[in-house]
């Protein structure tokens, strides 16, 4: 005769999802991801395929990966305008970006 084992202390999927959504680091990652999605709109056709957000530092500096140093330099010259254009997105997401750093060393080409 086999004994039936009843498992009654499982955590439901709704509780797991709720815990994940309440995690501050998860919320921050979602917010940053949403901000990163706006990058292509901000920089336009000329730079949308030559640059992409890479990371955010603790002091709210967004690191932008660039396909080469020329792109990094051009974006650096436009930094003030880019930050100004980012303001409405930053305000709606309640996130702060103090500066932009353009780094061609961080570029990883996407596979097609």
PDB file of N, CA and C in Angstrom:
ATOM      1  N   UNK A   1       0.845  -1.177   0.000  1.00  0.00           N
ATOM      2  CA  UNK A   1       0.000   0.000   0.000  1.00  0.00           C
ATOM      3  C   UNK A   1       0.898   1.251   0.000  1.00  0.00           C
ATOM      4  N   UNK A   2       0.703   2.097  -0.993  1.00  0.00           N
ATOM      5  CA  UNK A   2       1.480   3.333  -1.073  1.00  0.00           C
ATOM      6  C   UNK A   2       0.745   4.455  -0.362  1.00  0.00           C
ATOM      7  N   UNK A   3       1.545   5.250   0.235  1.00  0.00           N
ATOM      8  CA  UNK A   3       1.007   6.382   0.979  1.00  0.00           C
ATOM      9  C   UNK A   3       0.921   7.595   0.056  1.00  0.00           C
ATOM     10  N   UNK A   4      -0.185   8.265   0.050  1.00  0.00           N
ATOM     11  CA  UNK A   4      -0.327   9.492  -0.742  1.00  0.00           C
ATOM     12  C   UNK A   4       0.297  10.654   0.016  1.00  0.00           C
ATOM     13  N   UNK A   5       1.075  11.413  -0.702  1.00  0.00           N
ATOM     14  CA  UNK A   5       1.684  12.591  -0.102  1.00  0.00           C
ATOM     15  C   UNK A   5       0.949  13.812  -0.650  1.00  0.00           C
ATOM     16  N   UNK A   6       0.436  14.587   0.244  1.00  0.00           N
ATOM     17  CA  UNK A   6      -0.276  15.801  -0.158  1.00  0.00           C
ATOM     18  C   UNK A   6       0.622  17.010   0.092  1.00  0.00           C
ATOM     19  N   UNK A   7       0.835  17.753  -0.948  1.00  0.00           N
ATOM     20  CA  UNK A   7       1.641  18.961  -0.835  1.00  0.00           C
ATOM     21  C   UNK A   7       0.699  20.151  -0.755  1.00  0.00           C
ATOM     22  N   UNK A   8       0.695  20.775   0.375  1.00  0.00           N
ATOM     23  CA  UNK A   8      -0.233  21.892   0.556  1.00  0.00           C
ATOM     24  C   UNK A   8       0.467  23.213   0.824  1.00  0.00           C
ATOM     25  N   UNK A   9       1.781  23.171   0.896  1.00  0.00           N
ATOM     26  CA  UNK A   9       2.480  24.412   1.218  1.00  0.00           C
ATOM     27  C   UNK A   9       3.186  25.038   0.008  1.00  0.00           C
ATOM     28  N   UNK A  10       2.673  24.780  -1.190  1.00  0.00           N
ATOM     29  CA  UNK A  10       3.218  25.404  -2.383  1.00  0.00           C
ATOM     30  C   UNK A  10       2.857  26.883  -2.411  1.00  0.00           C
ATOM     31  N   UNK A  11       3.748  27.654  -2.995  1.00  0.00           N
ATOM     32  CA  UNK A  11       3.470  29.076  -3.192  1.00  0.00           C
ATOM     33  C   UNK A  11       2.803  29.224  -4.557  1.00  0.00           C
ATOM     34  N   UNK A  12       1.690  29.899  -4.588  1.00  0.00           N
ATOM     35  CA  UNK A  12       0.961  30.094  -5.828  1.00  0.00           C
ATOM     36  C   UNK A  12       1.686  31.049  -6.755  1.00  0.00           C
ATOM     37  N   UNK A  13       1.447  30.888  -8.046  1.00  0.00           N
ATOM     38  CA  UNK A  13       2.102  31.740  -9.048  1.00  0.00           C
ATOM     39  C   UNK A  13       1.747  33.207  -8.846  1.00  0.00           C
ATOM     40  N   UNK A  14       0.534  33.481  -8.426  1.00  0.00           N
ATOM     41  CA  UNK A  14       0.128  34.870  -8.186  1.00  0.00           C
ATOM     42  C   UNK A  14       0.942  35.508  -7.069  1.00  0.00           C
ATOM     43  N   UNK A  15       1.274  34.725  -6.056  1.00  0.00           N
ATOM     44  CA  UNK A  15       2.085  35.240  -4.956  1.00  0.00           C
ATOM     45  C   UNK A  15       3.536  35.468  -5.394  1.00  0.00           C
ATOM     46  N   UNK A  16       4.050  34.563  -6.216  1.00  0.00           N
ATOM     47  CA  UNK A  16       5.415  34.708  -6.731  1.00  0.00           C
ATOM     48  C   UNK A  16       5.520  35.961  -7.594  1.00  0.00           C
ATOM     49  N   UNK A  17       4.566  36.151  -8.490  1.00  0.00           N
ATOM     50  CA  UNK A  17       4.570  37.330  -9.363  1.00  0.00           C
ATOM     51  C   UNK A  17       4.441  38.603  -8.546  1.00  0.00           C
ATOM     52  N   UNK A  18       3.575  38.582  -7.563  1.00  0.00           N
ATOM     53  CA  UNK A  18       3.395  39.744  -6.695  1.00  0.00           C
ATOM     54  C   UNK A  18       4.706  40.100  -5.988  1.00  0.00           C
ATOM     55  N   UNK A  19       5.408  39.087  -5.487  1.00  0.00           N
ATOM     56  CA  UNK A  19       6.697  39.333  -4.822  1.00  0.00           C
ATOM     57  C   UNK A  19       7.722  39.929  -5.778  1.00  0.00           C
ATOM     58  N   UNK A  20       7.760  39.414  -7.002  1.00  0.00           N
ATOM     59  CA  UNK A  20       8.700  39.928  -7.999  1.00  0.00           C
ATOM     60  C   UNK A  20       8.394  41.387  -8.318  1.00  0.00           C
ATOM     61  N   UNK A  21       7.116  41.693  -8.503  1.00  0.00           N
ATOM     62  CA  UNK A  21       6.734  43.063  -8.867  1.00  0.00           C
ATOM     63  C   UNK A  21       6.982  44.060  -7.740  1.00  0.00           C
ATOM     64  N   UNK A  22       7.043  43.590  -6.511  1.00  0.00           N
ATOM     65  CA  UNK A  22       7.302  44.474  -5.373  1.00  0.00           C
ATOM     66  C   UNK A  22       8.793  44.690  -5.121  1.00  0.00           C
ATOM     67  N   UNK A  23       9.628  43.889  -5.751  1.00  0.00           N
ATOM     68  CA  UNK A  23      11.069  43.990  -5.581  1.00  0.00           C
ATOM     69  C   UNK A  23      11.570  45.296  -6.190  1.00  0.00           C
ATOM     70  N   UNK A  24      12.247  46.120  -5.390  1.00  0.00           N
ATOM     71  CA  UNK A  24      12.698  47.436  -5.849  1.00  0.00           C
ATOM     72  C   UNK A  24      13.685  47.348  -7.013  1.00  0.00           C
ATOM     73  N   UNK A  25      14.583  46.389  -6.982  1.00  0.00           N
ATOM     74  CA  UNK A  25      15.553  46.283  -8.071  1.00  0.00           C
ATOM     75  C   UNK A  25      14.875  45.854  -9.373  1.00  0.00           C
ATOM     76  N   UNK A  26      13.822  45.051  -9.270  1.00  0.00           N
ATOM     77  CA  UNK A  26      13.066  44.655 -10.448  1.00  0.00           C
ATOM     78  C   UNK A  26      12.328  45.860 -11.029  1.00  0.00           C
ATOM     79  N   UNK A  27      11.714  46.659 -10.160  1.00  0.00           N
ATOM     80  CA  UNK A  27      11.016  47.870 -10.611  1.00  0.00           C
ATOM     81  C   UNK A  27      11.986  48.822 -11.308  1.00  0.00           C
ATOM     82  N   UNK A  28      13.168  48.971 -10.735  1.00  0.00           N
ATOM     83  CA  UNK A  28      14.175  49.857 -11.316  1.00  0.00           C
ATOM     84  C   UNK A  28      14.603  49.344 -12.689  1.00  0.00           C
ATOM     85  N   UNK A  29      14.777  48.038 -12.811  1.00  0.00           N
ATOM     86  CA  UNK A  29      15.180  47.446 -14.091  1.00  0.00           C
ATOM     87  C   UNK A  29      14.101  47.656 -15.152  1.00  0.00           C
ATOM     88  N   UNK A  30      12.847  47.508 -14.784  1.00  0.00           N
ATOM     89  CA  UNK A  30      11.734  47.716 -15.724  1.00  0.00           C
ATOM     90  C   UNK A  30      11.707  49.178 -16.174  1.00  0.00           C
ATOM     91  N   UNK A  31      11.863  50.086 -15.237  1.00  0.00           N
ATOM     92  CA  UNK A  31      11.847  51.512 -15.560  1.00  0.00           C
ATOM     93  C   UNK A  31      12.989  51.871 -16.501  1.00  0.00           C
ATOM     94  N   UNK A  32      14.178  51.371 -16.214  1.00  0.00           N
ATOM     95  CA  UNK A  32      15.323  51.639 -17.087  1.00  0.00           C
ATOM     96  C   UNK A  32      15.109  51.037 -18.468  1.00  0.00           C
ATOM     97  N   UNK A  33      14.566  49.852 -18.512  1.00  0.00           N
ATOM     98  CA  UNK A  33      14.295  49.217 -19.798  1.00  0.00           C
ATOM     99  C   UNK A  33      13.321  50.064 -20.623  1.00  0.00           C
ATOM    100  N   UNK A  34      12.299  50.594 -19.975  1.00  0.00           N
ATOM    101  CA  UNK A  34      11.347  51.470 -20.669  1.00  0.00           C
ATOM    102  C   UNK A  34      12.038  52.731 -21.172  1.00  0.00           C
ATOM    103  N   UNK A  35      12.912  53.286 -20.368  1.00  0.00           N
ATOM    104  CA  UNK A  35      13.659  54.468 -20.783  1.00  0.00           C
ATOM    105  C   UNK A  35      14.544  54.141 -21.985  1.00  0.00           C
ATOM    106  N   UNK A  36      15.204  53.007 -21.944  1.00  0.00           N
ATOM    107  CA  UNK A  36      16.098  52.604 -23.032  1.00  0.00           C
ATOM    108  C   UNK A  36      15.336  52.442 -24.347  1.00  0.00           C
ATOM    109  N   UNK A  37      14.069  52.085 -24.276  1.00  0.00           N
ATOM    110  CA  UNK A  37      13.267  51.912 -25.493  1.00  0.00           C
ATOM    111  C   UNK A  37      13.060  53.229 -26.236  1.00  0.00           C
ATOM    112  N   UNK A  38      13.134  54.335 -25.522  1.00  0.00           N
ATOM    113  CA  UNK A  38      12.933  55.646 -26.142  1.00  0.00           C
ATOM    114  C   UNK A  38      14.182  56.165 -26.854  1.00  0.00           C
ATOM    115  N   UNK A  39      15.303  55.511 -26.668  1.00  0.00           N
ATOM    116  CA  UNK A  39      16.567  55.996 -27.226  1.00  0.00           C
ATOM    117  C   UNK A  39      16.484  56.256 -28.726  1.00  0.00           C
ATOM    118  N   UNK A  40      15.941  55.298 -29.471  1.00  0.00           N
ATOM    119  CA  UNK A  40      15.890  55.426 -30.939  1.00  0.00           C
ATOM    120  C   UNK A  40      15.068  56.637 -31.368  1.00  0.00           C
ATOM    121  N   UNK A  41      14.011  56.934 -30.613  1.00  0.00           N
ATOM    122  CA  UNK A  41      13.190  58.106 -30.930  1.00  0.00           C
ATOM    123  C   UNK A  41      13.978  59.393 -30.675  1.00  0.00           C
ATOM    124  N   UNK A  42      14.734  59.401 -29.624  1.00  0.00           N
ATOM    125  CA  UNK A  42      15.468  60.605 -29.230  1.00  0.00           C
ATOM    126  C   UNK A  42      16.583  60.919 -30.229  1.00  0.00           C
ATOM    127  N   UNK A  43      17.370  59.915 -30.617  1.00  0.00           N
ATOM    128  CA  UNK A  43      18.541  60.182 -31.470  1.00  0.00           C
ATOM    129  C   UNK A  43      18.224  60.185 -32.948  1.00  0.00           C
ATOM    130  N   UNK A  44      17.083  59.660 -33.336  1.00  0.00           N
ATOM    131  CA  UNK A  44      16.675  59.721 -34.735  1.00  0.00           C
ATOM    132  C   UNK A  44      17.339  58.686 -35.623  1.00  0.00           C
ATOM    133  N   UNK A  45      16.998  58.773 -36.915  1.00  0.00           N
ATOM    134  CA  UNK A  45      17.432  57.780 -37.900  1.00  0.00           C
ATOM    135  C   UNK A  45      18.949  57.675 -38.030  1.00  0.00           C
ATOM    136  N   UNK A  46      19.645  58.790 -37.927  1.00  0.00           N
ATOM    137  CA  UNK A  46      21.085  58.782 -38.150  1.00  0.00           C
ATOM    138  C   UNK A  46      21.838  57.913 -37.133  1.00  0.00           C
ATOM    139  N   UNK A  47      21.372  57.909 -35.880  1.00  0.00           N
ATOM    140  CA  UNK A  47      22.114  57.215 -34.822  1.00  0.00           C
ATOM    141  C   UNK A  47      21.391  56.010 -34.225  1.00  0.00           C
ATOM    142  N   UNK A  48      20.162  55.753 -34.621  1.00  0.00           N
ATOM    143  CA  UNK A  48      19.394  54.687 -33.963  1.00  0.00           C
ATOM    144  C   UNK A  48      19.998  53.294 -34.146  1.00  0.00           C
ATOM    145  N   UNK A  49      20.703  53.064 -35.244  1.00  0.00           N
ATOM    146  CA  UNK A  49      21.323  51.753 -35.457  1.00  0.00           C
ATOM    147  C   UNK A  49      22.824  51.759 -35.164  1.00  0.00           C
ATOM    148  N   UNK A  50      23.324  52.908 -34.726  1.00  0.00           N
ATOM    149  CA  UNK A  50      24.751  53.039 -34.433  1.00  0.00           C
ATOM    150  C   UNK A  50      25.031  53.211 -32.947  1.00  0.00           C
ATOM    151  N   UNK A  51      23.962  53.287 -32.153  1.00  0.00           N
ATOM    152  CA  UNK A  51      24.127  53.487 -30.714  1.00  0.00           C
ATOM    153  C   UNK A  51      22.944  52.856 -29.984  1.00  0.00           C
ATOM    154  N   UNK A  52      23.200  52.459 -28.746  1.00  0.00           N
ATOM    155  CA  UNK A  52      22.120  51.906 -27.928  1.00  0.00           C
ATOM    156  C   UNK A  52      22.512  52.007 -26.456  1.00  0.00           C
ATOM    157  N   UNK A  53      21.520  52.216 -25.602  1.00  0.00           N
ATOM    158  CA  UNK A  53      21.810  52.273 -24.166  1.00  0.00           C
ATOM    159  C   UNK A  53      22.423  50.955 -23.707  1.00  0.00           C
ATOM    160  N   UNK A  54      23.427  51.067 -22.868  1.00  0.00           N
ATOM    161  CA  UNK A  54      24.130  49.888 -22.386  1.00  0.00           C
ATOM    162  C   UNK A  54      23.840  49.640 -20.906  1.00  0.00           C
ATOM    163  N   UNK A  55      23.963  50.706 -20.105  1.00  0.00           N
ATOM    164  CA  UNK A  55      23.742  50.542 -18.671  1.00  0.00           C
ATOM    165  C   UNK A  55      23.525  51.905 -18.035  1.00  0.00           C
ATOM    166  N   UNK A  56      23.297  51.856 -16.718  1.00  0.00           N
ATOM    167  CA  UNK A  56      23.129  53.073 -15.935  1.00  0.00           C
ATOM    168  C   UNK A  56      24.014  52.928 -14.699  1.00  0.00           C
ATOM    169  N   UNK A  57      24.820  53.930 -14.425  1.00  0.00           N
ATOM    170  CA  UNK A  57      25.694  53.863 -13.262  1.00  0.00           C
ATOM    171  C   UNK A  57      24.927  54.282 -12.008  1.00  0.00           C
ATOM    172  N   UNK A  58      25.551  54.056 -10.862  1.00  0.00           N
ATOM    173  CA  UNK A  58      24.921  54.417  -9.586  1.00  0.00           C
ATOM    174  C   UNK A  58      24.671  55.916  -9.476  1.00  0.00           C
ATOM    175  N   UNK A  59      25.509  56.708 -10.117  1.00  0.00           N
ATOM    176  CA  UNK A  59      25.342  58.166 -10.059  1.00  0.00           C
ATOM    177  C   UNK A  59      24.510  58.695 -11.226  1.00  0.00           C
ATOM    178  N   UNK A  60      23.636  57.840 -11.766  1.00  0.00           N
ATOM    179  CA  UNK A  60      22.657  58.210 -12.798  1.00  0.00           C
ATOM    180  C   UNK A  60      23.277  58.705 -14.098  1.00  0.00           C
ATOM    181  N   UNK A  61      24.343  58.073 -14.503  1.00  0.00           N
ATOM    182  CA  UNK A  61      24.955  58.342 -15.800  1.00  0.00           C
ATOM    183  C   UNK A  61      24.580  57.189 -16.720  1.00  0.00           C
ATOM    184  N   UNK A  62      23.935  57.517 -17.821  1.00  0.00           N
ATOM    185  CA  UNK A  62      23.550  56.490 -18.780  1.00  0.00           C
ATOM    186  C   UNK A  62      24.729  56.249 -19.717  1.00  0.00           C
ATOM    187  N   UNK A  63      25.153  54.993 -19.790  1.00  0.00           N
ATOM    188  CA  UNK A  63      26.253  54.613 -20.675  1.00  0.00           C
ATOM    189  C   UNK A  63      25.642  54.158 -21.990  1.00  0.00           C
ATOM    190  N   UNK A  64      26.111  54.765 -23.071  1.00  0.00           N
ATOM    191  CA  UNK A  64      25.601  54.464 -24.403  1.00  0.00           C
ATOM    192  C   UNK A  64      26.690  53.760 -25.203  1.00  0.00           C
ATOM    193  N   UNK A  65      26.385  52.559 -25.676  1.00  0.00           N
ATOM    194  CA  UNK A  65      27.319  51.835 -26.541  1.00  0.00           C
ATOM    195  C   UNK A  65      27.215  52.416 -27.946  1.00  0.00           C
ATOM    196  N   UNK A  66      28.358  52.668 -28.552  1.00  0.00           N
ATOM    197  CA  UNK A  66      28.407  53.243 -29.906  1.00  0.00           C
ATOM    198  C   UNK A  66      29.194  52.313 -30.816  1.00  0.00           C
ATOM    199  N   UNK A  67      28.811  52.273 -32.087  1.00  0.00           N
ATOM    200  CA  UNK A  67      29.466  51.347 -33.017  1.00  0.00           C
ATOM    201  C   UNK A  67      30.911  51.716 -33.324  1.00  0.00           C
ATOM    202  N   UNK A  68      31.272  52.983 -33.129  1.00  0.00           N
ATOM    203  CA  UNK A  68      32.666  53.395 -33.335  1.00  0.00           C
ATOM    204  C   UNK A  68      32.904  54.734 -32.639  1.00  0.00           C
ATOM    205  N   UNK A  69      34.149  55.159 -32.633  1.00  0.00           N
ATOM    206  CA  UNK A  69      34.494  56.392 -31.924  1.00  0.00           C
ATOM    207  C   UNK A  69      33.945  57.642 -32.609  1.00  0.00           C
ATOM    208  N   UNK A  70      33.736  57.595 -33.914  1.00  0.00           N
ATOM    209  CA  UNK A  70      33.167  58.739 -34.635  1.00  0.00           C
ATOM    210  C   UNK A  70      31.725  58.970 -34.170  1.00  0.00           C
ATOM    211  N   UNK A  71      30.954  57.889 -34.073  1.00  0.00           N
ATOM    212  CA  UNK A  71      29.581  58.003 -33.575  1.00  0.00           C
ATOM    213  C   UNK A  71      29.581  58.535 -32.152  1.00  0.00           C
ATOM    214  N   UNK A  72      30.471  58.020 -31.323  1.00  0.00           N
ATOM    215  CA  UNK A  72      30.565  58.479 -29.930  1.00  0.00           C
ATOM    216  C   UNK A  72      30.854  59.977 -29.873  1.00  0.00           C
ATOM    217  N   UNK A  73      31.764  60.443 -30.721  1.00  0.00           N
ATOM    218  CA  UNK A  73      32.115  61.861 -30.744  1.00  0.00           C
ATOM    219  C   UNK A  73      30.939  62.716 -31.220  1.00  0.00           C
ATOM    220  N   UNK A  74      30.257  62.281 -32.264  1.00  0.00           N
ATOM    221  CA  UNK A  74      29.103  63.048 -32.764  1.00  0.00           C
ATOM    222  C   UNK A  74      28.004  63.143 -31.704  1.00  0.00           C
ATOM    223  N   UNK A  75      27.752  62.032 -31.029  1.00  0.00           N
ATOM    224  CA  UNK A  75      26.730  62.045 -29.980  1.00  0.00           C
ATOM    225  C   UNK A  75      27.160  62.916 -28.808  1.00  0.00           C
ATOM    226  N   UNK A  76      28.452  62.905 -28.507  1.00  0.00           N
ATOM    227  CA  UNK A  76      28.969  63.746 -27.428  1.00  0.00           C
ATOM    228  C   UNK A  76      28.707  65.220 -27.732  1.00  0.00           C
ATOM    229  N   UNK A  77      28.875  65.605 -28.992  1.00  0.00           N
ATOM    230  CA  UNK A  77      28.623  66.988 -29.381  1.00  0.00           C
ATOM    231  C   UNK A  77      27.134  67.342 -29.290  1.00  0.00           C
ATOM    232  N   UNK A  78      26.275  66.339 -29.351  1.00  0.00           N
ATOM    233  CA  UNK A  78      24.823  66.566 -29.278  1.00  0.00           C
ATOM    234  C   UNK A  78      24.253  66.260 -27.896  1.00  0.00           C
ATOM    235  N   UNK A  79      25.109  66.009 -26.931  1.00  0.00           N
ATOM    236  CA  UNK A  79      24.670  65.555 -25.609  1.00  0.00           C
ATOM    237  C   UNK A  79      23.648  66.490 -24.955  1.00  0.00           C
ATOM    238  N   UNK A  80      23.877  67.776 -25.014  1.00  0.00           N
ATOM    239  CA  UNK A  80      22.960  68.730 -24.392  1.00  0.00           C
ATOM    240  C   UNK A  80      21.558  68.618 -24.991  1.00  0.00           C
ATOM    241  N   UNK A  81      21.484  68.516 -26.299  1.00  0.00           N
ATOM    242  CA  UNK A  81      20.196  68.383 -26.987  1.00  0.00           C
ATOM    243  C   UNK A  81      19.530  67.051 -26.636  1.00  0.00           C
ATOM    244  N   UNK A  82      20.310  65.992 -26.604  1.00  0.00           N
ATOM    245  CA  UNK A  82      19.772  64.670 -26.278  1.00  0.00           C
ATOM    246  C   UNK A  82      19.188  64.674 -24.867  1.00  0.00           C
ATOM    247  N   UNK A  83      19.927  65.229 -23.916  1.00  0.00           N
ATOM    248  CA  UNK A  83      19.423  65.296 -22.538  1.00  0.00           C
ATOM    249  C   UNK A  83      18.142  66.125 -22.454  1.00  0.00           C
ATOM    250  N   UNK A  84      18.094  67.224 -23.206  1.00  0.00           N
ATOM    251  CA  UNK A  84      16.889  68.068 -23.227  1.00  0.00           C
ATOM    252  C   UNK A  84      15.699  67.284 -23.798  1.00  0.00           C
ATOM    253  N   UNK A  85      15.944  66.553 -24.877  1.00  0.00           N
ATOM    254  CA  UNK A  85      14.877  65.771 -25.502  1.00  0.00           C
ATOM    255  C   UNK A  85      14.429  64.595 -24.627  1.00  0.00           C
ATOM    256  N   UNK A  86      15.306  64.135 -23.772  1.00  0.00           N
ATOM    257  CA  UNK A  86      14.983  63.029 -22.868  1.00  0.00           C
ATOM    258  C   UNK A  86      14.090  63.458 -21.699  1.00  0.00           C
ATOM    259  N   UNK A  87      14.112  64.743 -21.352  1.00  0.00           N
ATOM    260  CA  UNK A  87      13.422  65.224 -20.139  1.00  0.00           C
ATOM    261  C   UNK A  87      11.973  64.777 -20.008  1.00  0.00           C
ATOM    262  N   UNK A  88      11.131  64.885 -21.047  1.00  0.00           N
ATOM    263  CA  UNK A  88       9.739  64.449 -20.872  1.00  0.00           C
ATOM    264  C   UNK A  88       9.621  62.951 -20.522  1.00  0.00           C
ATOM    265  N   UNK A  89      10.484  62.137 -21.115  1.00  0.00           N
ATOM    266  CA  UNK A  89      10.471  60.700 -20.833  1.00  0.00           C
ATOM    267  C   UNK A  89      10.942  60.428 -19.405  1.00  0.00           C
ATOM    268  N   UNK A  90      11.982  61.143 -19.006  1.00  0.00           N
ATOM    269  CA  UNK A  90      12.512  60.986 -17.657  1.00  0.00           C
ATOM    270  C   UNK A  90      11.480  61.385 -16.617  1.00  0.00           C
ATOM    271  N   UNK A  91      10.786  62.468 -16.905  1.00  0.00           N
ATOM    272  CA  UNK A  91       9.768  62.953 -15.966  1.00  0.00           C
ATOM    273  C   UNK A  91       8.632  61.945 -15.838  1.00  0.00           C
ATOM    274  N   UNK A  92       8.155  61.415 -16.967  1.00  0.00           N
ATOM    275  CA  UNK A  92       7.033  60.472 -16.913  1.00  0.00           C
ATOM    276  C   UNK A  92       7.416  59.159 -16.237  1.00  0.00           C
ATOM    277  N   UNK A  93       8.678  58.746 -16.352  1.00  0.00           N
ATOM    278  CA  UNK A  93       9.134  57.505 -15.718  1.00  0.00           C
ATOM    279  C   UNK A  93       9.683  57.732 -14.305  1.00  0.00           C
ATOM    280  N   UNK A  94       9.769  59.001 -13.912  1.00  0.00           N
ATOM    281  CA  UNK A  94      10.301  59.376 -12.598  1.00  0.00           C
ATOM    282  C   UNK A  94      11.697  58.803 -12.387  1.00  0.00           C
ATOM    283  N   UNK A  95      12.551  59.101 -13.343  1.00  0.00           N
ATOM    284  CA  UNK A  95      13.931  58.633 -13.285  1.00  0.00           C
ATOM    285  C   UNK A  95      14.857  59.807 -13.568  1.00  0.00           C
ATOM    286  N   UNK A  96      16.043  59.757 -13.021  1.00  0.00           N
ATOM    287  CA  UNK A  96      17.008  60.830 -13.200  1.00  0.00           C
ATOM    288  C   UNK A  96      18.186  60.337 -14.034  1.00  0.00           C
ATOM    289  N   UNK A  97      18.568  61.136 -15.004  1.00  0.00           N
ATOM    290  CA  UNK A  97      19.795  60.891 -15.760  1.00  0.00           C
ATOM    291  C   UNK A  97      20.594  62.177 -15.663  1.00  0.00           C
ATOM    292  N   UNK A  98      21.724  62.101 -14.974  1.00  0.00           N
ATOM    293  CA  UNK A  98      22.559  63.283 -14.780  1.00  0.00           C
ATOM    294  C   UNK A  98      23.488  63.559 -15.954  1.00  0.00           C
ATOM    295  N   UNK A  99      23.852  62.503 -16.664  1.00  0.00           N
ATOM    296  CA  UNK A  99      24.812  62.680 -17.744  1.00  0.00           C
ATOM    297  C   UNK A  99      24.737  61.482 -18.682  1.00  0.00           C
ATOM    298  N   UNK A 100      25.358  61.618 -19.835  1.00  0.00           N
ATOM    299  CA  UNK A 100      25.471  60.533 -20.808  1.00  0.00           C
ATOM    300  C   UNK A 100      26.949  60.285 -21.066  1.00  0.00           C
ATOM    301  N   UNK A 101      27.319  59.018 -21.146  1.00  0.00           N
ATOM    302  CA  UNK A 101      28.698  58.658 -21.494  1.00  0.00           C
ATOM    303  C   UNK A 101      28.640  57.750 -22.717  1.00  0.00           C
ATOM    304  N   UNK A 102      29.363  58.103 -23.743  1.00  0.00           N
ATOM    305  CA  UNK A 102      29.344  57.357 -25.004  1.00  0.00           C
ATOM    306  C   UNK A 102      30.591  56.496 -25.085  1.00  0.00           C
ATOM    307  N   UNK A 103      30.390  55.190 -25.250  1.00  0.00           N
ATOM    308  CA  UNK A 103      31.496  54.247 -25.149  1.00  0.00           C
ATOM    309  C   UNK A 103      31.501  53.248 -26.312  1.00  0.00           C
ATOM    310  N   UNK A 104      32.427  53.407 -27.260  1.00  0.00           N
ATOM    311  CA  UNK A 104      32.486  52.461 -28.379  1.00  0.00           C
ATOM    312  C   UNK A 104      32.977  51.072 -27.953  1.00  0.00           C
ATOM    313  N   UNK A 105      33.623  50.956 -26.809  1.00  0.00           N
ATOM    314  CA  UNK A 105      34.108  49.661 -26.327  1.00  0.00           C
ATOM    315  C   UNK A 105      32.972  48.733 -25.901  1.00  0.00           C
ATOM    316  N   UNK A 106      31.822  49.299 -25.630  1.00  0.00           N
ATOM    317  CA  UNK A 106      30.670  48.512 -25.157  1.00  0.00           C
ATOM    318  C   UNK A 106      29.800  47.974 -26.290  1.00  0.00           C
ATOM    319  N   UNK A 107      30.120  48.326 -27.510  1.00  0.00           N
ATOM    320  CA  UNK A 107      29.272  47.948 -28.658  1.00  0.00           C
ATOM    321  C   UNK A 107      29.344  46.444 -28.915  1.00  0.00           C
ATOM    322  N   UNK A 108      28.183  45.855 -29.034  1.00  0.00           N
ATOM    323  CA  UNK A 108      28.062  44.465 -29.446  1.00  0.00           C
ATOM    324  C   UNK A 108      27.088  44.455 -30.606  1.00  0.00           C
ATOM    325  N   UNK A 109      27.557  44.036 -31.766  1.00  0.00           N
ATOM    326  CA  UNK A 109      26.708  44.022 -32.958  1.00  0.00           C
ATOM    327  C   UNK A 109      25.622  42.961 -32.795  1.00  0.00           C
ATOM    328  N   UNK A 110      24.411  43.339 -33.181  1.00  0.00           N
ATOM    329  CA  UNK A 110      23.287  42.388 -33.111  1.00  0.00           C
ATOM    330  C   UNK A 110      23.354  41.439 -34.292  1.00  0.00           C
ATOM    331  N   UNK A 111      23.057  40.201 -34.004  1.00  0.00           N
ATOM    332  CA  UNK A 111      23.051  39.194 -35.074  1.00  0.00           C
ATOM    333  C   UNK A 111      21.720  39.267 -35.815  1.00  0.00           C
ATOM    334  N   UNK A 112      21.751  39.124 -37.131  1.00  0.00           N
ATOM    335  CA  UNK A 112      20.515  39.208 -37.897  1.00  0.00           C
ATOM    336  C   UNK A 112      19.898  37.861 -38.139  1.00  0.00           C
TER     337      UNK A 112
END
